[in-house]
Amino acid sequence: TILSHVVAGVFLILSRPFKNGDVVTILGNTGVVKEITLMHIVLETTDGEDEILIPSGSVVTQIIRRKKARQST
């Protein structure tokens, strides 16, 4: 299990499906990406009160919803 999280973490770091500061929904949890590590994705809740740690191995096989940044004109 630990090895699968590490491999998934490397994949996420290299492929960059999202980056720090993006608002994403993963496994039903919505928040701002605060950190991407080998073992976890750290999301800060939108109210800024909590952090959610999602194991990297769980993220790779899930649908990720990424909120588009608004373009200013």
N, C-alpha and C. Protein backbone atom coordinates (compact mmCIF):
# COMPACT_ATOMS: atom_id res chain seq x y z
N THR A 1 0.82 -1.19 0.00
CA THR A 1 0.00 0.00 0.00
C THR A 1 0.86 1.26 0.00
N ILE A 2 1.88 1.28 0.82
CA ILE A 2 2.76 2.45 0.87
C ILE A 2 3.45 2.65 -0.47
N LEU A 3 3.92 1.57 -1.07
CA LEU A 3 4.57 1.66 -2.37
C LEU A 3 3.61 2.19 -3.44
N SER A 4 2.36 1.76 -3.40
CA SER A 4 1.39 2.25 -4.40
C SER A 4 1.14 3.74 -4.23
N HIS A 5 1.13 4.23 -2.98
CA HIS A 5 0.95 5.66 -2.75
C HIS A 5 2.15 6.45 -3.27
N VAL A 6 3.34 5.93 -3.06
CA VAL A 6 4.55 6.61 -3.53
C VAL A 6 4.58 6.66 -5.05
N VAL A 7 4.29 5.54 -5.69
CA VAL A 7 4.27 5.51 -7.16
C VAL A 7 3.21 6.47 -7.69
N ALA A 8 2.05 6.48 -7.07
CA ALA A 8 0.99 7.40 -7.49
C ALA A 8 1.41 8.85 -7.25
N GLY A 9 2.09 9.10 -6.14
CA GLY A 9 2.58 10.46 -5.85
C GLY A 9 3.56 10.94 -6.90
N VAL A 10 4.46 10.06 -7.32
CA VAL A 10 5.42 10.41 -8.38
C VAL A 10 4.66 10.72 -9.66
N PHE A 11 3.68 9.88 -10.00
CA PHE A 11 2.86 10.10 -11.19
C PHE A 11 2.17 11.47 -11.13
N LEU A 12 1.58 11.80 -9.98
CA LEU A 12 0.87 13.08 -9.84
C LEU A 12 1.83 14.26 -9.95
N ILE A 13 3.00 14.13 -9.37
CA ILE A 13 3.98 15.22 -9.42
C ILE A 13 4.46 15.43 -10.86
N LEU A 14 4.65 14.35 -11.60
CA LEU A 14 5.13 14.46 -12.98
C LEU A 14 4.03 14.89 -13.96
N SER A 15 2.84 14.36 -13.80
CA SER A 15 1.77 14.64 -14.76
C SER A 15 1.05 15.97 -14.50
N ARG A 16 1.08 16.43 -13.26
CA ARG A 16 0.48 17.71 -12.86
C ARG A 16 -0.97 17.89 -13.33
N PRO A 17 -1.89 16.99 -12.96
CA PRO A 17 -3.28 17.19 -13.35
C PRO A 17 -3.91 18.40 -12.65
N PHE A 18 -3.28 18.84 -11.58
CA PHE A 18 -3.67 20.06 -10.88
C PHE A 18 -2.44 20.58 -10.17
N LYS A 19 -2.51 21.83 -9.73
CA LYS A 19 -1.34 22.44 -9.08
C LYS A 19 -1.78 23.15 -7.81
N ASN A 20 -0.80 23.57 -7.03
CA ASN A 20 -1.10 24.31 -5.81
C ASN A 20 -1.95 25.53 -6.16
N GLY A 21 -2.98 25.75 -5.36
CA GLY A 21 -3.87 26.89 -5.58
C GLY A 21 -5.13 26.55 -6.37
N ASP A 22 -5.14 25.41 -7.08
CA ASP A 22 -6.34 25.00 -7.82
C ASP A 22 -7.43 24.57 -6.84
N VAL A 23 -8.67 24.82 -7.21
CA VAL A 23 -9.80 24.33 -6.44
C VAL A 23 -10.24 23.03 -7.10
N VAL A 24 -10.21 21.94 -6.34
CA VAL A 24 -10.54 20.63 -6.89
C VAL A 24 -11.51 19.90 -5.97
N THR A 25 -12.20 18.93 -6.56
CA THR A 25 -13.02 18.00 -5.80
C THR A 25 -12.48 16.60 -6.08
N ILE A 26 -12.04 15.94 -5.02
CA ILE A 26 -11.49 14.58 -5.11
C ILE A 26 -12.19 13.73 -4.06
N LEU A 27 -12.75 12.62 -4.50
CA LEU A 27 -13.45 11.70 -3.58
C LEU A 27 -14.51 12.42 -2.76
N GLY A 28 -15.20 13.39 -3.39
CA GLY A 28 -16.26 14.13 -2.72
C GLY A 28 -15.79 15.24 -1.81
N ASN A 29 -14.49 15.47 -1.75
CA ASN A 29 -13.93 16.53 -0.90
C ASN A 29 -13.48 17.69 -1.79
N THR A 30 -13.98 18.89 -1.50
CA THR A 30 -13.63 20.07 -2.27
C THR A 30 -12.73 20.96 -1.44
N GLY A 31 -11.68 21.47 -2.07
CA GLY A 31 -10.78 22.38 -1.38
C GLY A 31 -9.72 22.90 -2.32
N VAL A 32 -8.89 23.76 -1.77
CA VAL A 32 -7.78 24.35 -2.51
C VAL A 32 -6.56 23.47 -2.30
N VAL A 33 -5.89 23.11 -3.40
CA VAL A 33 -4.69 22.28 -3.29
C VAL A 33 -3.61 23.09 -2.59
N LYS A 34 -3.20 22.59 -1.45
CA LYS A 34 -2.18 23.27 -0.65
C LYS A 34 -0.81 22.65 -0.87
N GLU A 35 -0.79 21.31 -1.05
CA GLU A 35 0.49 20.61 -1.19
C GLU A 35 0.26 19.27 -1.89
N ILE A 36 1.23 18.89 -2.73
CA ILE A 36 1.22 17.59 -3.38
C ILE A 36 2.50 16.88 -2.95
N THR A 37 2.35 15.79 -2.20
CA THR A 37 3.51 15.05 -1.73
C THR A 37 3.45 13.63 -2.30
N LEU A 38 4.48 12.85 -2.05
CA LEU A 38 4.48 11.47 -2.52
C LEU A 38 3.36 10.66 -1.90
N MET A 39 3.02 10.94 -0.67
CA MET A 39 2.03 10.13 0.04
C MET A 39 0.62 10.71 0.03
N HIS A 40 0.48 12.05 0.01
CA HIS A 40 -0.83 12.68 0.16
C HIS A 40 -0.99 13.91 -0.73
N ILE A 41 -2.24 14.21 -1.01
CA ILE A 41 -2.62 15.51 -1.54
C ILE A 41 -3.25 16.23 -0.36
N VAL A 42 -2.81 17.45 -0.08
CA VAL A 42 -3.35 18.22 1.02
C VAL A 42 -4.27 19.29 0.45
N LEU A 43 -5.56 19.22 0.84
CA LEU A 43 -6.53 20.23 0.44
C LEU A 43 -6.88 21.07 1.65
N GLU A 44 -7.00 22.37 1.44
CA GLU A 44 -7.51 23.26 2.49
C GLU A 44 -8.97 23.52 2.16
N THR A 45 -9.84 23.32 3.13
CA THR A 45 -11.26 23.54 2.88
C THR A 45 -11.49 24.99 2.48
N THR A 46 -12.59 25.22 1.76
CA THR A 46 -12.85 26.57 1.24
C THR A 46 -13.04 27.60 2.34
N ASP A 47 -13.43 27.16 3.53
CA ASP A 47 -13.55 28.12 4.63
C ASP A 47 -12.21 28.33 5.35
N GLY A 48 -11.18 27.57 4.96
CA GLY A 48 -9.85 27.72 5.53
C GLY A 48 -9.69 27.17 6.92
N GLU A 49 -10.70 26.46 7.42
CA GLU A 49 -10.66 25.98 8.79
C GLU A 49 -10.01 24.61 8.94
N ASP A 50 -10.02 23.81 7.88
CA ASP A 50 -9.52 22.44 7.98
C ASP A 50 -8.64 22.10 6.80
N GLU A 51 -7.84 21.04 6.99
CA GLU A 51 -7.06 20.44 5.91
C GLU A 51 -7.54 19.01 5.74
N ILE A 52 -7.59 18.59 4.49
CA ILE A 52 -7.98 17.21 4.16
C ILE A 52 -6.78 16.56 3.50
N LEU A 53 -6.34 15.42 4.03
CA LEU A 53 -5.24 14.66 3.44
C LEU A 53 -5.84 13.47 2.72
N ILE A 54 -5.58 13.40 1.41
CA ILE A 54 -6.10 12.31 0.59
C ILE A 54 -4.91 11.49 0.11
N PRO A 55 -4.87 10.19 0.38
CA PRO A 55 -3.74 9.35 -0.06
C PRO A 55 -3.57 9.41 -1.58
N SER A 56 -2.34 9.57 -2.02
CA SER A 56 -2.05 9.68 -3.45
C SER A 56 -2.57 8.50 -4.25
N GLY A 57 -2.45 7.31 -3.70
CA GLY A 57 -2.91 6.11 -4.40
C GLY A 57 -4.40 6.12 -4.68
N SER A 58 -5.17 6.81 -3.86
CA SER A 58 -6.62 6.91 -4.07
C SER A 58 -6.96 7.91 -5.16
N VAL A 59 -6.12 8.89 -5.36
CA VAL A 59 -6.40 9.97 -6.29
C VAL A 59 -6.26 9.52 -7.74
N VAL A 60 -5.27 8.71 -8.03
CA VAL A 60 -4.95 8.33 -9.40
C VAL A 60 -6.12 7.62 -10.08
N THR A 61 -6.91 6.87 -9.35
CA THR A 61 -7.99 6.09 -9.95
C THR A 61 -9.34 6.81 -9.90
N GLN A 62 -9.37 8.05 -9.44
CA GLN A 62 -10.63 8.76 -9.26
C GLN A 62 -10.83 9.86 -10.31
N ILE A 63 -12.07 10.25 -10.47
CA ILE A 63 -12.39 11.41 -11.29
C ILE A 63 -12.10 12.63 -10.43
N ILE A 64 -11.38 13.58 -11.00
CA ILE A 64 -11.02 14.81 -10.30
C ILE A 64 -11.74 15.96 -10.98
N ARG A 65 -12.43 16.74 -10.21
CA ARG A 65 -13.10 17.92 -10.75
C ARG A 65 -12.25 19.14 -10.41
N ARG A 66 -11.80 19.86 -11.43
CA ARG A 66 -10.97 21.04 -11.23
C ARG A 66 -11.75 22.26 -11.69
N LYS A 67 -11.87 23.23 -10.81
CA LYS A 67 -12.60 24.45 -11.13
C LYS A 67 -11.73 25.31 -12.06
N LYS A 68 -12.32 25.76 -13.14
CA LYS A 68 -11.60 26.60 -14.09
C LYS A 68 -11.37 27.98 -13.49
N ALA A 69 -10.19 28.52 -13.76
CA ALA A 69 -9.90 29.89 -13.33
C ALA A 69 -10.65 30.84 -14.25
N ARG A 70 -11.19 31.88 -13.67
CA ARG A 70 -11.91 32.87 -14.48
C ARG A 70 -10.89 33.77 -15.15
N GLN A 71 -11.16 34.05 -16.41
CA GLN A 71 -10.26 34.93 -17.15
C GLN A 71 -10.75 36.36 -17.02
N SER A 72 -9.83 37.25 -16.69
CA SER A 72 -10.20 38.67 -16.58
C SER A 72 -10.02 39.32 -17.95
N THR A 73 -10.89 40.25 -18.25
CA THR A 73 -10.81 40.92 -19.56
C THR A 73 -10.28 42.31 -19.44
